[in-house]
Amino acid sequence: QRPTPDRQAELWRLRDPLRSYNII
């Protein structure tokens, strides 16, 4: 099921290749 447009935008921001996230 496709996410809502707002949720999809949040997912793309998480996948930004220029940012490094700490992972727990």
PDB file of all heavy atoms in Angstrom:
ATOM      1  N   GLN A   1       0.840  -1.187   0.000  1.00  0.00           N
ATOM      2  CA  GLN A   1       0.000   0.000   0.000  1.00  0.00           C
ATOM      3  C   GLN A   1       0.882   1.246   0.000  1.00  0.00           C
ATOM      4  O   GLN A   1       1.787   1.383   0.805  1.00  0.00           O
ATOM      5  CB  GLN A   1      -0.912  -0.010   1.236  1.00  0.00           C
ATOM      6  CG  GLN A   1      -1.882   1.157   1.275  1.00  0.00           C
ATOM      7  CD  GLN A   1      -2.780   1.084   2.500  1.00  0.00           C
ATOM      8  OE1 GLN A   1      -2.673   0.143   3.285  1.00  0.00           O
ATOM      9  NE2 GLN A   1      -3.636   2.064   2.666  1.00  0.00           N
ATOM     10  N   ARG A   2       0.622   2.159  -0.927  1.00  0.00           N
ATOM     11  CA  ARG A   2       1.461   3.350  -1.047  1.00  0.00           C
ATOM     12  C   ARG A   2       1.223   4.284   0.134  1.00  0.00           C
ATOM     13  O   ARG A   2       0.089   4.488   0.565  1.00  0.00           O
ATOM     14  CB  ARG A   2       1.189   4.089  -2.357  1.00  0.00           C
ATOM     15  CG  ARG A   2       1.541   3.288  -3.600  1.00  0.00           C
ATOM     16  CD  ARG A   2       1.366   4.134  -4.846  1.00  0.00           C
ATOM     17  NE  ARG A   2       2.236   5.293  -4.844  1.00  0.00           N
ATOM     18  CZ  ARG A   2       3.521   5.272  -5.239  1.00  0.00           C
ATOM     19  NH1 ARG A   2       4.038   4.127  -5.652  1.00  0.00           N
ATOM     20  NH2 ARG A   2       4.253   6.362  -5.219  1.00  0.00           N
ATOM     21  N   PRO A   3       2.308   4.867   0.671  1.00  0.00           N
ATOM     22  CA  PRO A   3       2.130   5.798   1.791  1.00  0.00           C
ATOM     23  C   PRO A   3       1.507   7.102   1.322  1.00  0.00           C
ATOM     24  O   PRO A   3       1.488   7.414   0.119  1.00  0.00           O
ATOM     25  CB  PRO A   3       3.573   6.018   2.273  1.00  0.00           C
ATOM     26  CG  PRO A   3       4.418   5.751   1.076  1.00  0.00           C
ATOM     27  CD  PRO A   3       3.711   4.678   0.302  1.00  0.00           C
ATOM     28  N   THR A   4       1.031   7.858   2.275  1.00  0.00           N
ATOM     29  CA  THR A   4       0.463   9.166   1.953  1.00  0.00           C
ATOM     30  C   THR A   4       1.567  10.085   1.442  1.00  0.00           C
ATOM     31  O   THR A   4       2.759   9.852   1.696  1.00  0.00           O
ATOM     32  CB  THR A   4      -0.190   9.777   3.202  1.00  0.00           C
ATOM     33  OG1 THR A   4       0.838   9.989   4.187  1.00  0.00           O
ATOM     34  CG2 THR A   4      -1.251   8.845   3.775  1.00  0.00           C
ATOM     35  N   PRO A   5       1.224  11.144   0.711  1.00  0.00           N
ATOM     36  CA  PRO A   5       2.256  12.067   0.204  1.00  0.00           C
ATOM     37  C   PRO A   5       3.152  12.626   1.298  1.00  0.00           C
ATOM     38  O   PRO A   5       4.368  12.744   1.099  1.00  0.00           O
ATOM     39  CB  PRO A   5       1.433  13.170  -0.472  1.00  0.00           C
ATOM     40  CG  PRO A   5       0.160  12.484  -0.888  1.00  0.00           C
ATOM     41  CD  PRO A   5      -0.114  11.488   0.198  1.00  0.00           C
ATOM     42  N   ASP A   6       2.576  12.966   2.455  1.00  0.00           N
ATOM     43  CA  ASP A   6       3.410  13.493   3.543  1.00  0.00           C
ATOM     44  C   ASP A   6       4.395  12.445   4.047  1.00  0.00           C
ATOM     45  O   ASP A   6       5.577  12.734   4.278  1.00  0.00           O
ATOM     46  CB  ASP A   6       2.519  13.963   4.699  1.00  0.00           C
ATOM     47  CG  ASP A   6       1.699  15.189   4.324  1.00  0.00           C
ATOM     48  OD1 ASP A   6       2.074  15.852   3.328  1.00  0.00           O
ATOM     49  OD2 ASP A   6       0.696  15.469   5.015  1.00  0.00           O
ATOM     50  N   ARG A   7       3.916  11.221   4.211  1.00  0.00           N
ATOM     51  CA  ARG A   7       4.799  10.152   4.682  1.00  0.00           C
ATOM     52  C   ARG A   7       5.866   9.840   3.634  1.00  0.00           C
ATOM     53  O   ARG A   7       7.031   9.572   3.973  1.00  0.00           O
ATOM     54  CB  ARG A   7       3.970   8.913   5.003  1.00  0.00           C
ATOM     55  CG  ARG A   7       4.787   7.728   5.526  1.00  0.00           C
ATOM     56  CD  ARG A   7       5.576   8.061   6.773  1.00  0.00           C
ATOM     57  NE  ARG A   7       4.757   8.523   7.852  1.00  0.00           N
ATOM     58  CZ  ARG A   7       4.119   7.723   8.723  1.00  0.00           C
ATOM     59  NH1 ARG A   7       4.249   6.419   8.613  1.00  0.00           N
ATOM     60  NH2 ARG A   7       3.399   8.243   9.686  1.00  0.00           N
ATOM     61  N   GLN A   8       5.501   9.873   2.356  1.00  0.00           N
ATOM     62  CA  GLN A   8       6.479   9.607   1.308  1.00  0.00           C
ATOM     63  C   GLN A   8       7.579  10.667   1.316  1.00  0.00           C
ATOM     64  O   GLN A   8       8.772  10.358   1.130  1.00  0.00           O
ATOM     65  CB  GLN A   8       5.786   9.573  -0.051  1.00  0.00           C
ATOM     66  CG  GLN A   8       6.701   9.202  -1.212  1.00  0.00           C
ATOM     67  CD  GLN A   8       7.219   7.786  -1.096  1.00  0.00           C
ATOM     68  OE1 GLN A   8       6.456   6.835  -1.095  1.00  0.00           O
ATOM     69  NE2 GLN A   8       8.530   7.635  -0.991  1.00  0.00           N
ATOM     70  N   ALA A   9       7.200  11.910   1.539  1.00  0.00           N
ATOM     71  CA  ALA A   9       8.200  12.988   1.601  1.00  0.00           C
ATOM     72  C   ALA A   9       9.151  12.781   2.779  1.00  0.00           C
ATOM     73  O   ALA A   9      10.370  13.027   2.669  1.00  0.00           O
ATOM     74  CB  ALA A   9       7.485  14.336   1.719  1.00  0.00           C
ATOM     75  N   GLU A  10       8.622  12.338   3.920  1.00  0.00           N
ATOM     76  CA  GLU A  10       9.481  12.053   5.074  1.00  0.00           C
ATOM     77  C   GLU A  10      10.465  10.935   4.761  1.00  0.00           C
ATOM     78  O   GLU A  10      11.640  10.989   5.146  1.00  0.00           O
ATOM     79  CB  GLU A  10       8.611  11.671   6.277  1.00  0.00           C
ATOM     80  CG  GLU A  10       7.774  12.819   6.828  1.00  0.00           C
ATOM     81  CD  GLU A  10       6.916  12.371   7.999  1.00  0.00           C
ATOM     82  OE1 GLU A  10       7.095  11.220   8.446  1.00  0.00           O
ATOM     83  OE2 GLU A  10       6.074  13.156   8.458  1.00  0.00           O
ATOM     84  N   LEU A  11       9.991   9.893   4.057  1.00  0.00           N
ATOM     85  CA  LEU A  11      10.873   8.779   3.703  1.00  0.00           C
ATOM     86  C   LEU A  11      11.998   9.233   2.786  1.00  0.00           C
ATOM     87  O   LEU A  11      13.147   8.822   2.935  1.00  0.00           O
ATOM     88  CB  LEU A  11      10.068   7.663   3.040  1.00  0.00           C
ATOM     89  CG  LEU A  11       9.097   6.902   3.946  1.00  0.00           C
ATOM     90  CD1 LEU A  11       8.247   5.935   3.128  1.00  0.00           C
ATOM     91  CD2 LEU A  11       9.874   6.141   5.004  1.00  0.00           C
ATOM     92  N   TRP A  12      11.680  10.108   1.822  1.00  0.00           N
ATOM     93  CA  TRP A  12      12.734  10.589   0.912  1.00  0.00           C
ATOM     94  C   TRP A  12      13.761  11.430   1.658  1.00  0.00           C
ATOM     95  O   TRP A  12      14.957  11.406   1.328  1.00  0.00           O
ATOM     96  CB  TRP A  12      12.110  11.392  -0.225  1.00  0.00           C
ATOM     97  CG  TRP A  12      11.476  10.527  -1.291  1.00  0.00           C
ATOM     98  CD1 TRP A  12      10.176  10.521  -1.688  1.00  0.00           C
ATOM     99  CD2 TRP A  12      12.143   9.527  -2.067  1.00  0.00           C
ATOM    100  NE1 TRP A  12       9.964   9.588  -2.661  1.00  0.00           N
ATOM    101  CE2 TRP A  12      11.164   8.955  -2.927  1.00  0.00           C
ATOM    102  CE3 TRP A  12      13.447   9.049  -2.132  1.00  0.00           C
ATOM    103  CZ2 TRP A  12      11.464   7.942  -3.823  1.00  0.00           C
ATOM    104  CZ3 TRP A  12      13.745   8.036  -3.031  1.00  0.00           C
ATOM    105  CH2 TRP A  12      12.768   7.494  -3.863  1.00  0.00           C
ATOM    106  N   ARG A  13      13.308  12.184   2.659  1.00  0.00           N
ATOM    107  CA  ARG A  13      14.271  12.971   3.441  1.00  0.00           C
ATOM    108  C   ARG A  13      15.208  12.049   4.229  1.00  0.00           C
ATOM    109  O   ARG A  13      16.396  12.322   4.388  1.00  0.00           O
ATOM    110  CB  ARG A  13      13.522  13.912   4.401  1.00  0.00           C
ATOM    111  CG  ARG A  13      13.001  15.183   3.739  1.00  0.00           C
ATOM    112  CD  ARG A  13      12.624  16.220   4.780  1.00  0.00           C
ATOM    113  NE  ARG A  13      11.489  15.796   5.595  1.00  0.00           N
ATOM    114  CZ  ARG A  13      10.220  16.009   5.269  1.00  0.00           C
ATOM    115  NH1 ARG A  13       9.915  16.636   4.130  1.00  0.00           N
ATOM    116  NH2 ARG A  13       9.249  15.599   6.046  1.00  0.00           N
ATOM    117  N   LEU A  14      14.670  10.917   4.730  1.00  0.00           N
ATOM    118  CA  LEU A  14      15.516   9.960   5.441  1.00  0.00           C
ATOM    119  C   LEU A  14      16.574   9.360   4.519  1.00  0.00           C
ATOM    120  O   LEU A  14      17.674   9.008   4.959  1.00  0.00           O
ATOM    121  CB  LEU A  14      14.659   8.827   6.027  1.00  0.00           C
ATOM    122  CG  LEU A  14      13.940   9.101   7.343  1.00  0.00           C
ATOM    123  CD1 LEU A  14      13.021   7.937   7.678  1.00  0.00           C
ATOM    124  CD2 LEU A  14      14.943   9.314   8.460  1.00  0.00           C
ATOM    125  N   ARG A  15      16.239   9.230   3.242  1.00  0.00           N
ATOM    126  CA  ARG A  15      17.147   8.589   2.288  1.00  0.00           C
ATOM    127  C   ARG A  15      18.095   9.578   1.617  1.00  0.00           C
ATOM    128  O   ARG A  15      18.726   9.250   0.615  1.00  0.00           O
ATOM    129  CB  ARG A  15      16.331   7.855   1.221  1.00  0.00           C
ATOM    130  CG  ARG A  15      15.541   6.690   1.794  1.00  0.00           C
ATOM    131  CD  ARG A  15      14.554   6.133   0.794  1.00  0.00           C
ATOM    132  NE  ARG A  15      13.796   5.021   1.375  1.00  0.00           N
ATOM    133  CZ  ARG A  15      12.733   4.467   0.824  1.00  0.00           C
ATOM    134  NH1 ARG A  15      12.297   4.934  -0.330  1.00  0.00           N
ATOM    135  NH2 ARG A  15      12.103   3.480   1.396  1.00  0.00           N
ATOM    136  N   ASP A  16      18.199  10.770   2.145  1.00  0.00           N
ATOM    137  CA  ASP A  16      19.099  11.775   1.594  1.00  0.00           C
ATOM    138  C   ASP A  16      20.537  11.247   1.644  1.00  0.00           C
ATOM    139  O   ASP A  16      21.084  11.005   2.727  1.00  0.00           O
ATOM    140  CB  ASP A  16      18.985  13.063   2.412  1.00  0.00           C
ATOM    141  CG  ASP A  16      19.817  14.194   1.816  1.00  0.00           C
ATOM    142  OD1 ASP A  16      20.567  13.928   0.854  1.00  0.00           O
ATOM    143  OD2 ASP A  16      19.717  15.329   2.315  1.00  0.00           O
ATOM    144  N   PRO A  17      21.201  11.039   0.493  1.00  0.00           N
ATOM    145  CA  PRO A  17      22.562  10.466   0.504  1.00  0.00           C
ATOM    146  C   PRO A  17      23.612  11.388   1.092  1.00  0.00           C
ATOM    147  O   PRO A  17      24.729  10.946   1.383  1.00  0.00           O
ATOM    148  CB  PRO A  17      22.818  10.199  -0.989  1.00  0.00           C
ATOM    149  CG  PRO A  17      21.945  11.168  -1.706  1.00  0.00           C
ATOM    150  CD  PRO A  17      20.719  11.322  -0.872  1.00  0.00           C
ATOM    151  N   LEU A  18      23.303  12.671   1.258  1.00  0.00           N
ATOM    152  CA  LEU A  18      24.281  13.627   1.783  1.00  0.00           C
ATOM    153  C   LEU A  18      24.278  13.680   3.307  1.00  0.00           C
ATOM    154  O   LEU A  18      25.099  14.383   3.894  1.00  0.00           O
ATOM    155  CB  LEU A  18      23.999  15.022   1.218  1.00  0.00           C
ATOM    156  CG  LEU A  18      24.061  15.137  -0.309  1.00  0.00           C
ATOM    157  CD1 LEU A  18      23.736  16.563  -0.749  1.00  0.00           C
ATOM    158  CD2 LEU A  18      25.434  14.708  -0.813  1.00  0.00           C
ATOM    159  N   ARG A  19      23.369  12.938   3.943  1.00  0.00           N
ATOM    160  CA  ARG A  19      23.292  12.969   5.396  1.00  0.00           C
ATOM    161  C   ARG A  19      23.644  11.585   5.964  1.00  0.00           C
ATOM    162  O   ARG A  19      23.338  10.571   5.379  1.00  0.00           O
ATOM    163  CB  ARG A  19      21.889  13.368   5.856  1.00  0.00           C
ATOM    164  CG  ARG A  19      21.458  14.752   5.389  1.00  0.00           C
ATOM    165  CD  ARG A  19      20.127  15.133   5.988  1.00  0.00           C
ATOM    166  NE  ARG A  19      20.196  15.241   7.441  1.00  0.00           N
ATOM    167  CZ  ARG A  19      19.148  15.531   8.204  1.00  0.00           C
ATOM    168  NH1 ARG A  19      17.966  15.734   7.649  1.00  0.00           N
ATOM    169  NH2 ARG A  19      19.269  15.617   9.510  1.00  0.00           N
ATOM    170  N   SER A  20      24.305  11.578   7.116  1.00  0.00           N
ATOM    171  CA  SER A  20      24.638  10.332   7.818  1.00  0.00           C
ATOM    172  C   SER A  20      23.894  10.306   9.144  1.00  0.00           C
ATOM    173  O   SER A  20      24.120  11.161  10.005  1.00  0.00           O
ATOM    174  CB  SER A  20      26.156  10.245   8.064  1.00  0.00           C
ATOM    175  OG  SER A  20      26.853  10.152   6.857  1.00  0.00           O
ATOM    176  N   TYR A  21      23.033   9.332   9.291  1.00  0.00           N
ATOM    177  CA  TYR A  21      22.243   9.219  10.513  1.00  0.00           C
ATOM    178  C   TYR A  21      22.883   8.221  11.472  1.00  0.00           C
ATOM    179  O   TYR A  21      23.407   7.192  11.061  1.00  0.00           O
ATOM    180  CB  TYR A  21      20.830   8.735  10.176  1.00  0.00           C
ATOM    181  CG  TYR A  21      19.996   9.737   9.435  1.00  0.00           C
ATOM    182  CD1 TYR A  21      19.955   9.730   8.040  1.00  0.00           C
ATOM    183  CD2 TYR A  21      19.244  10.691  10.119  1.00  0.00           C
ATOM    184  CE1 TYR A  21      19.187  10.643   7.341  1.00  0.00           C
ATOM    185  CE2 TYR A  21      18.468  11.608   9.428  1.00  0.00           C
ATOM    186  CZ  TYR A  21      18.446  11.588   8.045  1.00  0.00           C
ATOM    187  OH  TYR A  21      17.692  12.496   7.362  1.00  0.00           O
ATOM    188  N   ASN A  22      22.844   8.533  12.751  1.00  0.00           N
ATOM    189  CA  ASN A  22      23.177   7.523  13.749  1.00  0.00           C
ATOM    190  C   ASN A  22      22.037   6.510  13.816  1.00  0.00           C
ATOM    191  O   ASN A  22      20.868   6.876  13.665  1.00  0.00           O
ATOM    192  CB  ASN A  22      23.386   8.161  15.122  1.00  0.00           C
ATOM    193  CG  ASN A  22      24.600   9.060  15.143  1.00  0.00           C
ATOM    194  OD1 ASN A  22      25.624   8.743  14.551  1.00  0.00           O
ATOM    195  ND2 ASN A  22      24.489  10.198  15.808  1.00  0.00           N
ATOM    196  N   ILE A  23      22.386   5.257  14.046  1.00  0.00           N
ATOM    197  CA  ILE A  23      21.384   4.182  14.034  1.00  0.00           C
ATOM    198  C   ILE A  23      21.436   3.441  15.361  1.00  0.00           C
ATOM    199  O   ILE A  23      22.509   3.000  15.789  1.00  0.00           O
ATOM    200  CB  ILE A  23      21.651   3.189  12.883  1.00  0.00           C
ATOM    201  CG1 ILE A  23      21.631   3.931  11.544  1.00  0.00           C
ATOM    202  CG2 ILE A  23      20.621   2.062  12.892  1.00  0.00           C
ATOM    203  CD1 ILE A  23      22.153   3.086  10.399  1.00  0.00           C
ATOM    204  N   ILE A  24      20.291   3.303  15.997  1.00  0.00           N
ATOM    205  CA  ILE A  24      20.180   2.518  17.229  1.00  0.00           C
ATOM    206  C   ILE A  24      19.200   1.377  16.973  1.00  0.00           C
ATOM    207  O   ILE A  24      18.058   1.601  16.575  1.00  0.00           O
ATOM    208  CB  ILE A  24      19.691   3.367  18.421  1.00  0.00           C
ATOM    209  CG1 ILE A  24      20.682   4.497  18.722  1.00  0.00           C
ATOM    210  CG2 ILE A  24      19.514   2.489  19.657  1.00  0.00           C
ATOM    211  CD1 ILE A  24      20.239   5.412  19.848  1.00  0.00           C
TER     212      ILE A  24
END
